[in-house]
PDB file of all heavy atoms in Angstrom:
ATOM      1  N   LYS A   1     -29.815 -12.488 -76.197  1.00  0.00           N
ATOM      2  CA  LYS A   1     -30.200 -11.128 -75.825  1.00  0.00           C
ATOM      3  C   LYS A   1     -31.454 -11.123 -74.952  1.00  0.00           C
ATOM      4  O   LYS A   1     -31.566 -10.315 -74.031  1.00  0.00           O
ATOM      5  CB  LYS A   1     -30.413 -10.269 -77.071  1.00  0.00           C
ATOM      6  CG  LYS A   1     -29.113  -9.874 -77.737  1.00  0.00           C
ATOM      7  CD  LYS A   1     -29.364  -8.995 -78.942  1.00  0.00           C
ATOM      8  CE  LYS A   1     -28.056  -8.557 -79.579  1.00  0.00           C
ATOM      9  NZ  LYS A   1     -28.280  -7.682 -80.736  1.00  0.00           N
ATOM     10  N   ALA A   2     -32.392 -12.029 -75.220  1.00  0.00           N
ATOM     11  CA  ALA A   2     -33.606 -12.121 -74.397  1.00  0.00           C
ATOM     12  C   ALA A   2     -33.240 -12.523 -72.962  1.00  0.00           C
ATOM     13  O   ALA A   2     -33.766 -11.961 -71.997  1.00  0.00           O
ATOM     14  CB  ALA A   2     -34.588 -13.122 -75.002  1.00  0.00           C
ATOM     15  N   VAL A   3     -32.325 -13.467 -72.831  1.00  0.00           N
ATOM     16  CA  VAL A   3     -31.855 -13.867 -71.503  1.00  0.00           C
ATOM     17  C   VAL A   3     -31.150 -12.685 -70.837  1.00  0.00           C
ATOM     18  O   VAL A   3     -31.323 -12.437 -69.642  1.00  0.00           O
ATOM     19  CB  VAL A   3     -30.930 -15.102 -71.587  1.00  0.00           C
ATOM     20  CG1 VAL A   3     -30.257 -15.381 -70.260  1.00  0.00           C
ATOM     21  CG2 VAL A   3     -31.712 -16.315 -72.058  1.00  0.00           C
ATOM     22  N   GLY A   4     -30.383 -11.935 -71.608  1.00  0.00           N
ATOM     23  CA  GLY A   4     -29.711 -10.745 -71.085  1.00  0.00           C
ATOM     24  C   GLY A   4     -30.701  -9.726 -70.530  1.00  0.00           C
ATOM     25  O   GLY A   4     -30.460  -9.119 -69.492  1.00  0.00           O
ATOM     26  N   ARG A   5     -31.837  -9.570 -71.210  1.00  0.00           N
ATOM     27  CA  ARG A   5     -32.865  -8.640 -70.718  1.00  0.00           C
ATOM     28  C   ARG A   5     -33.442  -9.114 -69.397  1.00  0.00           C
ATOM     29  O   ARG A   5     -33.696  -8.306 -68.496  1.00  0.00           O
ATOM     30  CB  ARG A   5     -33.964  -8.453 -71.758  1.00  0.00           C
ATOM     31  CG  ARG A   5     -33.569  -7.520 -72.887  1.00  0.00           C
ATOM     32  CD  ARG A   5     -34.748  -7.119 -73.751  1.00  0.00           C
ATOM     33  NE  ARG A   5     -35.283  -8.219 -74.532  1.00  0.00           N
ATOM     34  CZ  ARG A   5     -34.807  -8.618 -75.707  1.00  0.00           C
ATOM     35  NH1 ARG A   5     -33.773  -8.002 -76.244  1.00  0.00           N
ATOM     36  NH2 ARG A   5     -35.363  -9.620 -76.353  1.00  0.00           N
ATOM     37  N   ILE A   6     -33.627 -10.423 -69.259  1.00  0.00           N
ATOM     38  CA  ILE A   6     -34.138 -10.961 -67.995  1.00  0.00           C
ATOM     39  C   ILE A   6     -33.127 -10.713 -66.875  1.00  0.00           C
ATOM     40  O   ILE A   6     -33.489 -10.306 -65.776  1.00  0.00           O
ATOM     41  CB  ILE A   6     -34.448 -12.469 -68.132  1.00  0.00           C
ATOM     42  CG1 ILE A   6     -35.600 -12.682 -69.110  1.00  0.00           C
ATOM     43  CG2 ILE A   6     -34.792 -13.075 -66.768  1.00  0.00           C
ATOM     44  CD1 ILE A   6     -35.821 -14.128 -69.505  1.00  0.00           C
ATOM     45  N   ILE A   7     -31.856 -10.942 -67.168  1.00  0.00           N
ATOM     46  CA  ILE A   7     -30.808 -10.690 -66.167  1.00  0.00           C
ATOM     47  C   ILE A   7     -30.777  -9.214 -65.807  1.00  0.00           C
ATOM     48  O   ILE A   7     -30.670  -8.852 -64.628  1.00  0.00           O
ATOM     49  CB  ILE A   7     -29.426 -11.160 -66.677  1.00  0.00           C
ATOM     50  CG1 ILE A   7     -29.420 -12.684 -66.842  1.00  0.00           C
ATOM     51  CG2 ILE A   7     -28.313 -10.722 -65.725  1.00  0.00           C
ATOM     52  CD1 ILE A   7     -28.207 -13.217 -67.575  1.00  0.00           C
ATOM     53  N   PHE A   8     -30.891  -8.342 -66.809  1.00  0.00           N
ATOM     54  CA  PHE A   8     -30.891  -6.903 -66.557  1.00  0.00           C
ATOM     55  C   PHE A   8     -32.060  -6.514 -65.652  1.00  0.00           C
ATOM     56  O   PHE A   8     -31.897  -5.711 -64.733  1.00  0.00           O
ATOM     57  CB  PHE A   8     -30.938  -6.129 -67.876  1.00  0.00           C
ATOM     58  CG  PHE A   8     -30.783  -4.659 -67.705  1.00  0.00           C
ATOM     59  CD1 PHE A   8     -29.536  -4.101 -67.473  1.00  0.00           C
ATOM     60  CD2 PHE A   8     -31.885  -3.815 -67.751  1.00  0.00           C
ATOM     61  CE1 PHE A   8     -29.382  -2.734 -67.296  1.00  0.00           C
ATOM     62  CE2 PHE A   8     -31.748  -2.457 -67.573  1.00  0.00           C
ATOM     63  CZ  PHE A   8     -30.497  -1.909 -67.341  1.00  0.00           C
ATOM     64  N   GLU A   9     -33.243  -7.097 -65.895  1.00  0.00           N
ATOM     65  CA  GLU A   9     -34.404  -6.826 -65.038  1.00  0.00           C
ATOM     66  C   GLU A   9     -34.134  -7.264 -63.598  1.00  0.00           C
ATOM     67  O   GLU A   9     -34.496  -6.565 -62.648  1.00  0.00           O
ATOM     68  CB  GLU A   9     -35.643  -7.543 -65.574  1.00  0.00           C
ATOM     69  CG  GLU A   9     -36.193  -6.952 -66.839  1.00  0.00           C
ATOM     70  CD  GLU A   9     -37.310  -7.793 -67.452  1.00  0.00           C
ATOM     71  OE1 GLU A   9     -37.775  -8.762 -66.803  1.00  0.00           O
ATOM     72  OE2 GLU A   9     -37.715  -7.475 -68.580  1.00  0.00           O
ATOM     73  N   GLU A  10     -33.482  -8.419 -63.443  1.00  0.00           N
ATOM     74  CA  GLU A  10     -33.143  -8.902 -62.101  1.00  0.00           C
ATOM     75  C   GLU A  10     -32.126  -7.977 -61.425  1.00  0.00           C
ATOM     76  O   GLU A  10     -32.199  -7.740 -60.223  1.00  0.00           O
ATOM     77  CB  GLU A  10     -32.605 -10.333 -62.163  1.00  0.00           C
ATOM     78  CG  GLU A  10     -33.653 -11.366 -62.502  1.00  0.00           C
ATOM     79  CD  GLU A  10     -34.755 -11.454 -61.465  1.00  0.00           C
ATOM     80  OE1 GLU A  10     -34.460 -11.546 -60.264  1.00  0.00           O
ATOM     81  OE2 GLU A  10     -35.937 -11.419 -61.870  1.00  0.00           O
ATOM     82  N   LEU A  11     -31.183  -7.449 -62.214  1.00  0.00           N
ATOM     83  CA  LEU A  11     -30.218  -6.484 -61.665  1.00  0.00           C
ATOM     84  C   LEU A  11     -30.926  -5.217 -61.186  1.00  0.00           C
ATOM     85  O   LEU A  11     -30.605  -4.685 -60.122  1.00  0.00           O
ATOM     86  CB  LEU A  11     -29.165  -6.113 -62.715  1.00  0.00           C
ATOM     87  CG  LEU A  11     -27.892  -6.921 -62.710  1.00  0.00           C
ATOM     88  CD1 LEU A  11     -27.068  -6.614 -63.948  1.00  0.00           C
ATOM     89  CD2 LEU A  11     -27.088  -6.689 -61.460  1.00  0.00           C
ATOM     90  N   GLU A  12     -31.868  -4.743 -61.971  1.00  0.00           N
ATOM     91  CA  GLU A  12     -32.622  -3.546 -61.584  1.00  0.00           C
ATOM     92  C   GLU A  12     -33.423  -3.807 -60.312  1.00  0.00           C
ATOM     93  O   GLU A  12     -33.494  -2.951 -59.432  1.00  0.00           O
ATOM     94  CB  GLU A  12     -33.538  -3.090 -62.725  1.00  0.00           C
ATOM     95  CG  GLU A  12     -32.784  -2.535 -63.917  1.00  0.00           C
ATOM     96  CD  GLU A  12     -31.908  -1.341 -63.561  1.00  0.00           C
ATOM     97  OE1 GLU A  12     -32.408  -0.396 -62.937  1.00  0.00           O
ATOM     98  OE2 GLU A  12     -30.713  -1.361 -63.919  1.00  0.00           O
ATOM     99  N   LYS A  13     -34.002  -4.991 -60.203  1.00  0.00           N
ATOM    100  CA  LYS A  13     -34.750  -5.354 -59.001  1.00  0.00           C
ATOM    101  C   LYS A  13     -33.805  -5.409 -57.795  1.00  0.00           C
ATOM    102  O   LYS A  13     -34.147  -4.930 -56.707  1.00  0.00           O
ATOM    103  CB  LYS A  13     -35.450  -6.703 -59.201  1.00  0.00           C
ATOM    104  CG  LYS A  13     -36.427  -7.035 -58.103  1.00  0.00           C
ATOM    105  CD  LYS A  13     -37.406  -8.137 -58.485  1.00  0.00           C
ATOM    106  CE  LYS A  13     -36.757  -9.459 -58.699  1.00  0.00           C
ATOM    107  NZ  LYS A  13     -37.720 -10.573 -58.813  1.00  0.00           N
ATOM    108  N   SER A  14     -32.617  -5.951 -57.998  1.00  0.00           N
ATOM    109  CA  SER A  14     -31.613  -6.016 -56.940  1.00  0.00           C
ATOM    110  C   SER A  14     -31.218  -4.608 -56.479  1.00  0.00           C
ATOM    111  O   SER A  14     -31.114  -4.333 -55.288  1.00  0.00           O
ATOM    112  CB  SER A  14     -30.384  -6.784 -57.435  1.00  0.00           C
ATOM    113  OG  SER A  14     -29.346  -6.764 -56.498  1.00  0.00           O
ATOM    114  N   LYS A  15     -31.023  -3.715 -57.440  1.00  0.00           N
ATOM    115  CA  LYS A  15     -30.673  -2.323 -57.104  1.00  0.00           C
ATOM    116  C   LYS A  15     -31.777  -1.662 -56.291  1.00  0.00           C
ATOM    117  O   LYS A  15     -31.497  -0.951 -55.319  1.00  0.00           O
ATOM    118  CB  LYS A  15     -30.438  -1.501 -58.375  1.00  0.00           C
ATOM    119  CG  LYS A  15     -29.152  -1.782 -59.073  1.00  0.00           C
ATOM    120  CD  LYS A  15     -29.063  -0.875 -60.299  1.00  0.00           C
ATOM    121  CE  LYS A  15     -28.066  -1.348 -61.292  1.00  0.00           C
ATOM    122  NZ  LYS A  15     -28.037  -0.520 -62.498  1.00  0.00           N
ATOM    123  N   ARG A  16     -33.032  -1.878 -56.703  1.00  0.00           N
ATOM    124  CA  ARG A  16     -34.161  -1.284 -55.967  1.00  0.00           C
ATOM    125  C   ARG A  16     -34.214  -1.805 -54.531  1.00  0.00           C
ATOM    126  O   ARG A  16     -34.388  -1.028 -53.588  1.00  0.00           O
ATOM    127  CB  ARG A  16     -35.486  -1.589 -56.669  1.00  0.00           C
ATOM    128  CG  ARG A  16     -35.812  -0.677 -57.810  1.00  0.00           C
ATOM    129  CD  ARG A  16     -37.257  -0.826 -58.278  1.00  0.00           C
ATOM    130  NE  ARG A  16     -37.624  -2.199 -58.601  1.00  0.00           N
ATOM    131  CZ  ARG A  16     -37.429  -2.788 -59.772  1.00  0.00           C
ATOM    132  NH1 ARG A  16     -36.845  -2.115 -60.755  1.00  0.00           N
ATOM    133  NH2 ARG A  16     -37.807  -4.032 -59.980  1.00  0.00           N
ATOM    134  N   THR A  17     -34.033  -3.095 -54.366  1.00  0.00           N
ATOM    135  CA  THR A  17     -34.059  -3.687 -53.025  1.00  0.00           C
ATOM    136  C   THR A  17     -32.941  -3.117 -52.169  1.00  0.00           C
ATOM    137  O   THR A  17     -33.159  -2.770 -51.005  1.00  0.00           O
ATOM    138  CB  THR A  17     -33.935  -5.223 -53.112  1.00  0.00           C
ATOM    139  OG1 THR A  17     -35.019  -5.731 -53.876  1.00  0.00           O
ATOM    140  CG2 THR A  17     -33.944  -5.852 -51.734  1.00  0.00           C
ATOM    141  N   MET A  18     -31.753  -3.009 -52.748  1.00  0.00           N
ATOM    142  CA  MET A  18     -30.640  -2.443 -51.986  1.00  0.00           C
ATOM    143  C   MET A  18     -30.912  -0.979 -51.651  1.00  0.00           C
ATOM    144  O   MET A  18     -30.670  -0.544 -50.526  1.00  0.00           O
ATOM    145  CB  MET A  18     -29.326  -2.598 -52.753  1.00  0.00           C
ATOM    146  CG  MET A  18     -28.810  -4.015 -52.739  1.00  0.00           C
ATOM    147  SD  MET A  18     -27.123  -4.205 -53.344  1.00  0.00           S
ATOM    148  CE  MET A  18     -27.338  -3.861 -55.067  1.00  0.00           C
ATOM    149  N   ARG A  19     -31.418  -0.230 -52.621  1.00  0.00           N
ATOM    150  CA  ARG A  19     -31.714   1.188 -52.383  1.00  0.00           C
ATOM    151  C   ARG A  19     -32.726   1.348 -51.244  1.00  0.00           C
ATOM    152  O   ARG A  19     -32.584   2.214 -50.391  1.00  0.00           O
ATOM    153  CB  ARG A  19     -32.238   1.832 -53.666  1.00  0.00           C
ATOM    154  CG  ARG A  19     -32.232   3.340 -53.647  1.00  0.00           C
ATOM    155  CD  ARG A  19     -32.633   3.975 -54.976  1.00  0.00           C
ATOM    156  NE  ARG A  19     -32.032   3.350 -56.141  1.00  0.00           N
ATOM    157  CZ  ARG A  19     -32.713   2.729 -57.109  1.00  0.00           C
ATOM    158  NH1 ARG A  19     -34.024   2.644 -57.080  1.00  0.00           N
ATOM    159  NH2 ARG A  19     -32.086   2.201 -58.140  1.00  0.00           N
ATOM    160  N   GLU A  20     -33.752   0.486 -51.233  1.00  0.00           N
ATOM    161  CA  GLU A  20     -34.759   0.526 -50.173  1.00  0.00           C
ATOM    162  C   GLU A  20     -34.148   0.239 -48.801  1.00  0.00           C
ATOM    163  O   GLU A  20     -34.708   0.628 -47.779  1.00  0.00           O
ATOM    164  CB  GLU A  20     -35.867  -0.496 -50.454  1.00  0.00           C
ATOM    165  CG  GLU A  20     -36.737  -0.130 -51.625  1.00  0.00           C
ATOM    166  CD  GLU A  20     -37.621  -1.280 -52.095  1.00  0.00           C
ATOM    167  OE1 GLU A  20     -37.570  -2.389 -51.486  1.00  0.00           O
ATOM    168  OE2 GLU A  20     -38.359  -1.075 -53.079  1.00  0.00           O
ATOM    169  N   ASN A  21     -33.011  -0.443 -48.797  1.00  0.00           N
ATOM    170  CA  ASN A  21     -32.327  -0.784 -47.556  1.00  0.00           C
ATOM    171  C   ASN A  21     -31.041   0.025 -47.376  1.00  0.00           C
ATOM    172  O   ASN A  21     -30.101  -0.419 -46.706  1.00  0.00           O
ATOM    173  CB  ASN A  21     -32.036  -2.283 -47.524  1.00  0.00           C
ATOM    174  CG  ASN A  21     -33.290  -3.080 -47.340  1.00  0.00           C
ATOM    175  OD1 ASN A  21     -33.781  -3.214 -46.225  1.00  0.00           O
ATOM    176  ND2 ASN A  21     -33.856  -3.580 -48.430  1.00  0.00           N
ATOM    177  N   ASN A  22     -31.024   1.226 -47.985  1.00  0.00           N
ATOM    178  CA  ASN A  22     -29.912   2.175 -47.845  1.00  0.00           C
ATOM    179  C   ASN A  22     -28.563   1.560 -48.215  1.00  0.00           C
ATOM    180  O   ASN A  22     -27.585   1.690 -47.488  1.00  0.00           O
ATOM    181  CB  ASN A  22     -29.866   2.732 -46.424  1.00  0.00           C
ATOM    182  CG  ASN A  22     -31.127   3.466 -46.088  1.00  0.00           C
ATOM    183  OD1 ASN A  22     -31.553   4.349 -46.825  1.00  0.00           O
ATOM    184  ND2 ASN A  22     -31.764   3.087 -44.991  1.00  0.00           N
ATOM    185  N   MET A  23     -28.534   0.905 -49.362  1.00  0.00           N
ATOM    186  CA  MET A  23     -27.312   0.242 -49.801  1.00  0.00           C
ATOM    187  C   MET A  23     -27.121   0.445 -51.298  1.00  0.00           C
ATOM    188  O   MET A  23     -28.089   0.564 -52.042  1.00  0.00           O
ATOM    189  CB  MET A  23     -27.423  -1.259 -49.493  1.00  0.00           C
ATOM    190  CG  MET A  23     -26.204  -2.046 -49.807  1.00  0.00           C
ATOM    191  SD  MET A  23     -26.445  -3.749 -49.240  1.00  0.00           S
ATOM    192  CE  MET A  23     -24.855  -4.401 -49.652  1.00  0.00           C
ATOM    193  N   TRP A  24     -25.877   0.489 -51.735  1.00  0.00           N
ATOM    194  CA  TRP A  24     -25.561   0.493 -53.157  1.00  0.00           C
ATOM    195  C   TRP A  24     -24.247  -0.252 -53.364  1.00  0.00           C
ATOM    196  O   TRP A  24     -23.459  -0.400 -52.440  1.00  0.00           O
ATOM    197  CB  TRP A  24     -25.472   1.909 -53.740  1.00  0.00           C
ATOM    198  CG  TRP A  24     -24.346   2.739 -53.218  1.00  0.00           C
ATOM    199  CD1 TRP A  24     -24.397   3.628 -52.184  1.00  0.00           C
ATOM    200  CD2 TRP A  24     -22.984   2.743 -53.655  1.00  0.00           C
ATOM    201  NE1 TRP A  24     -23.161   4.174 -51.955  1.00  0.00           N
ATOM    202  CE2 TRP A  24     -22.273   3.658 -52.857  1.00  0.00           C
ATOM    203  CE3 TRP A  24     -22.301   2.064 -54.656  1.00  0.00           C
ATOM    204  CZ2 TRP A  24     -20.910   3.896 -53.015  1.00  0.00           C
ATOM    205  CZ3 TRP A  24     -20.934   2.312 -54.824  1.00  0.00           C
ATOM    206  CH2 TRP A  24     -20.267   3.230 -54.008  1.00  0.00           C
ATOM    207  N   VAL A  25     -24.039  -0.721 -54.596  1.00  0.00           N
ATOM    208  CA  VAL A  25     -22.815  -1.421 -54.977  1.00  0.00           C
ATOM    209  C   VAL A  25     -22.301  -0.800 -56.259  1.00  0.00           C
ATOM    210  O   VAL A  25     -23.066  -0.586 -57.192  1.00  0.00           O
ATOM    211  CB  VAL A  25     -23.076  -2.925 -55.223  1.00  0.00           C
ATOM    212  CG1 VAL A  25     -21.809  -3.628 -55.676  1.00  0.00           C
ATOM    213  CG2 VAL A  25     -23.638  -3.593 -54.000  1.00  0.00           C
ATOM    214  N   ASN A  26     -21.011  -0.505 -56.294  1.00  0.00           N
ATOM    215  CA  ASN A  26     -20.390  -0.055 -57.531  1.00  0.00           C
ATOM    216  C   ASN A  26     -20.282  -1.276 -58.445  1.00  0.00           C
ATOM    217  O   ASN A  26     -19.702  -2.281 -58.063  1.00  0.00           O
ATOM    218  CB  ASN A  26     -19.011   0.534 -57.251  1.00  0.00           C
ATOM    219  CG  ASN A  26     -18.412   1.190 -58.457  1.00  0.00           C
ATOM    220  OD1 ASN A  26     -18.783   0.898 -59.583  1.00  0.00           O
ATOM    221  ND2 ASN A  26     -17.476   2.086 -58.224  1.00  0.00           N
ATOM    222  N   GLU A  27     -20.853  -1.188 -59.632  1.00  0.00           N
ATOM    223  CA  GLU A  27     -20.923  -2.351 -60.501  1.00  0.00           C
ATOM    224  C   GLU A  27     -19.624  -2.671 -61.226  1.00  0.00           C
ATOM    225  O   GLU A  27     -19.509  -3.722 -61.847  1.00  0.00           O
ATOM    226  CB  GLU A  27     -22.083  -2.193 -61.474  1.00  0.00           C
ATOM    227  CG  GLU A  27     -23.387  -2.163 -60.718  1.00  0.00           C
ATOM    228  CD  GLU A  27     -24.611  -2.273 -61.589  1.00  0.00           C
ATOM    229  OE1 GLU A  27     -24.480  -2.304 -62.830  1.00  0.00           O
ATOM    230  OE2 GLU A  27     -25.698  -2.324 -61.014  1.00  0.00           O
ATOM    231  N   SER A  28     -18.654  -1.795 -61.131  1.00  0.00           N
ATOM    232  CA  SER A  28     -17.332  -2.072 -61.690  1.00  0.00           C
ATOM    233  C   SER A  28     -16.431  -2.511 -60.540  1.00  0.00           C
ATOM    234  O   SER A  28     -16.253  -1.776 -59.571  1.00  0.00           O
ATOM    235  CB  SER A  28     -16.743  -0.826 -62.346  1.00  0.00           C
ATOM    236  OG  SER A  28     -17.568  -0.416 -63.405  1.00  0.00           O
ATOM    237  N   PRO A  29     -15.863  -3.703 -60.635  1.00  0.00           N
ATOM    238  CA  PRO A  29     -15.020  -4.174 -59.529  1.00  0.00           C
ATOM    239  C   PRO A  29     -13.752  -3.340 -59.390  1.00  0.00           C
ATOM    240  O   PRO A  29     -13.205  -2.851 -60.377  1.00  0.00           O
ATOM    241  CB  PRO A  29     -14.694  -5.617 -59.908  1.00  0.00           C
ATOM    242  CG  PRO A  29     -14.888  -5.686 -61.379  1.00  0.00           C
ATOM    243  CD  PRO A  29     -15.929  -4.665 -61.731  1.00  0.00           C
ATOM    244  N   VAL A  30     -13.296  -3.180 -58.157  1.00  0.00           N
ATOM    245  CA  VAL A  30     -12.028  -2.505 -57.878  1.00  0.00           C
ATOM    246  C   VAL A  30     -10.899  -3.403 -58.385  1.00  0.00           C
ATOM    247  O   VAL A  30      -9.955  -2.937 -59.017  1.00  0.00           O
ATOM    248  CB  VAL A  30     -11.874  -2.240 -56.364  1.00  0.00           C
ATOM    249  CG1 VAL A  30     -10.530  -1.619 -56.056  1.00  0.00           C
ATOM    250  CG2 VAL A  30     -13.009  -1.375 -55.857  1.00  0.00           C
ATOM    251  N   GLN A  31     -11.001  -4.668 -58.070  1.00  0.00           N
ATOM    252  CA  GLN A  31     -10.139  -5.727 -58.578  1.00  0.00           C
ATOM    253  C   GLN A  31     -11.049  -6.903 -58.858  1.00  0.00           C
ATOM    254  O   GLN A  31     -12.247  -6.834 -58.585  1.00  0.00           O
ATOM    255  CB  GLN A  31      -9.093  -6.138 -57.536  1.00  0.00           C
ATOM    256  CG  GLN A  31      -8.086  -5.067 -57.205  1.00  0.00           C
ATOM    257  CD  GLN A  31      -7.149  -5.523 -56.089  1.00  0.00           C
ATOM    258  OE1 GLN A  31      -7.474  -6.379 -55.302  1.00  0.00           O
ATOM    259  NE2 GLN A  31      -5.971  -4.908 -56.040  1.00  0.00           N
ATOM    260  N   GLU A  32     -10.497  -7.989 -59.349  1.00  0.00           N
ATOM    261  CA  GLU A  32     -11.347  -9.149 -59.605  1.00  0.00           C
ATOM    262  C   GLU A  32     -12.016  -9.594 -58.305  1.00  0.00           C
ATOM    263  O   GLU A  32     -11.352  -9.790 -57.282  1.00  0.00           O
ATOM    264  CB  GLU A  32     -10.517 -10.296 -60.172  1.00  0.00           C
ATOM    265  CG  GLU A  32     -11.371 -11.451 -60.621  1.00  0.00           C
ATOM    266  CD  GLU A  32     -10.571 -12.562 -61.270  1.00  0.00           C
ATOM    267  OE1 GLU A  32      -9.406 -12.331 -61.623  1.00  0.00           O
ATOM    268  OE2 GLU A  32     -11.122 -13.641 -61.408  1.00  0.00           O
ATOM    269  N   ARG A  33     -13.333  -9.680 -58.331  1.00  0.00           N
ATOM    270  CA  ARG A  33     -14.177 -10.108 -57.211  1.00  0.00           C
ATOM    271  C   ARG A  33     -14.154  -9.148 -56.012  1.00  0.00           C
ATOM    272  O   ARG A  33     -14.630  -9.475 -54.942  1.00  0.00           O
ATOM    273  CB  ARG A  33     -13.810 -11.531 -56.762  1.00  0.00           C
ATOM    274  CG  ARG A  33     -14.019 -12.579 -57.817  1.00  0.00           C
ATOM    275  CD  ARG A  33     -13.783 -13.997 -57.317  1.00  0.00           C
ATOM    276  NE  ARG A  33     -12.997 -14.138 -56.134  1.00  0.00           N
ATOM    277  CZ  ARG A  33     -11.687 -14.403 -56.090  1.00  0.00           C
ATOM    278  NH1 ARG A  33     -11.015 -14.545 -57.204  1.00  0.00           N
ATOM    279  NH2 ARG A  33     -11.062 -14.538 -54.944  1.00  0.00           N
ATOM    280  N   ARG A  34     -13.619  -7.940 -56.141  1.00  0.00           N
ATOM    281  CA  ARG A  34     -13.615  -6.947 -55.052  1.00  0.00           C
ATOM    282  C   ARG A  34     -14.483  -5.762 -55.487  1.00  0.00           C
ATOM    283  O   ARG A  34     -14.191  -5.109 -56.484  1.00  0.00           O
ATOM    284  CB  ARG A  34     -12.204  -6.469 -54.751  1.00  0.00           C
ATOM    285  CG  ARG A  34     -12.139  -5.421 -53.640  1.00  0.00           C
ATOM    286  CD  ARG A  34     -10.737  -4.898 -53.410  1.00  0.00           C
ATOM    287  NE  ARG A  34      -9.823  -5.932 -52.973  1.00  0.00           N
ATOM    288  CZ  ARG A  34      -9.601  -6.262 -51.693  1.00  0.00           C
ATOM    289  NH1 ARG A  34     -10.237  -5.621 -50.738  1.00  0.00           N
ATOM    290  NH2 ARG A  34      -8.747  -7.208 -51.382  1.00  0.00           N
ATOM    291  N   TYR A  35     -15.523  -5.493 -54.690  1.00  0.00           N
ATOM    292  CA  TYR A  35     -16.491  -4.453 -55.036  1.00  0.00           C
ATOM    293  C   TYR A  35     -16.632  -3.456 -53.900  1.00  0.00           C
ATOM    294  O   TYR A  35     -16.606  -3.824 -52.725  1.00  0.00           O
ATOM    295  CB  TYR A  35     -17.870  -5.079 -55.313  1.00  0.00           C
ATOM    296  CG  TYR A  35     -17.892  -5.872 -56.593  1.00  0.00           C
ATOM    297  CD1 TYR A  35     -17.428  -7.181 -56.623  1.00  0.00           C
ATOM    298  CD2 TYR A  35     -18.341  -5.301 -57.766  1.00  0.00           C
ATOM    299  CE1 TYR A  35     -17.429  -7.908 -57.807  1.00  0.00           C
ATOM    300  CE2 TYR A  35     -18.347  -6.019 -58.952  1.00  0.00           C
ATOM    301  CZ  TYR A  35     -17.890  -7.321 -58.955  1.00  0.00           C
ATOM    302  OH  TYR A  35     -17.885  -8.021 -60.119  1.00  0.00           O
TER     303      TYR A  35
END
């Protein structure tokens, strides 16, 4: 769970970086490996 929290923090950082660059990703894949 501690490792999961670190990964979650990295995901949040990734979202912020993308948002700052006018980008977003739907976190649920449309199909396997398709986003």
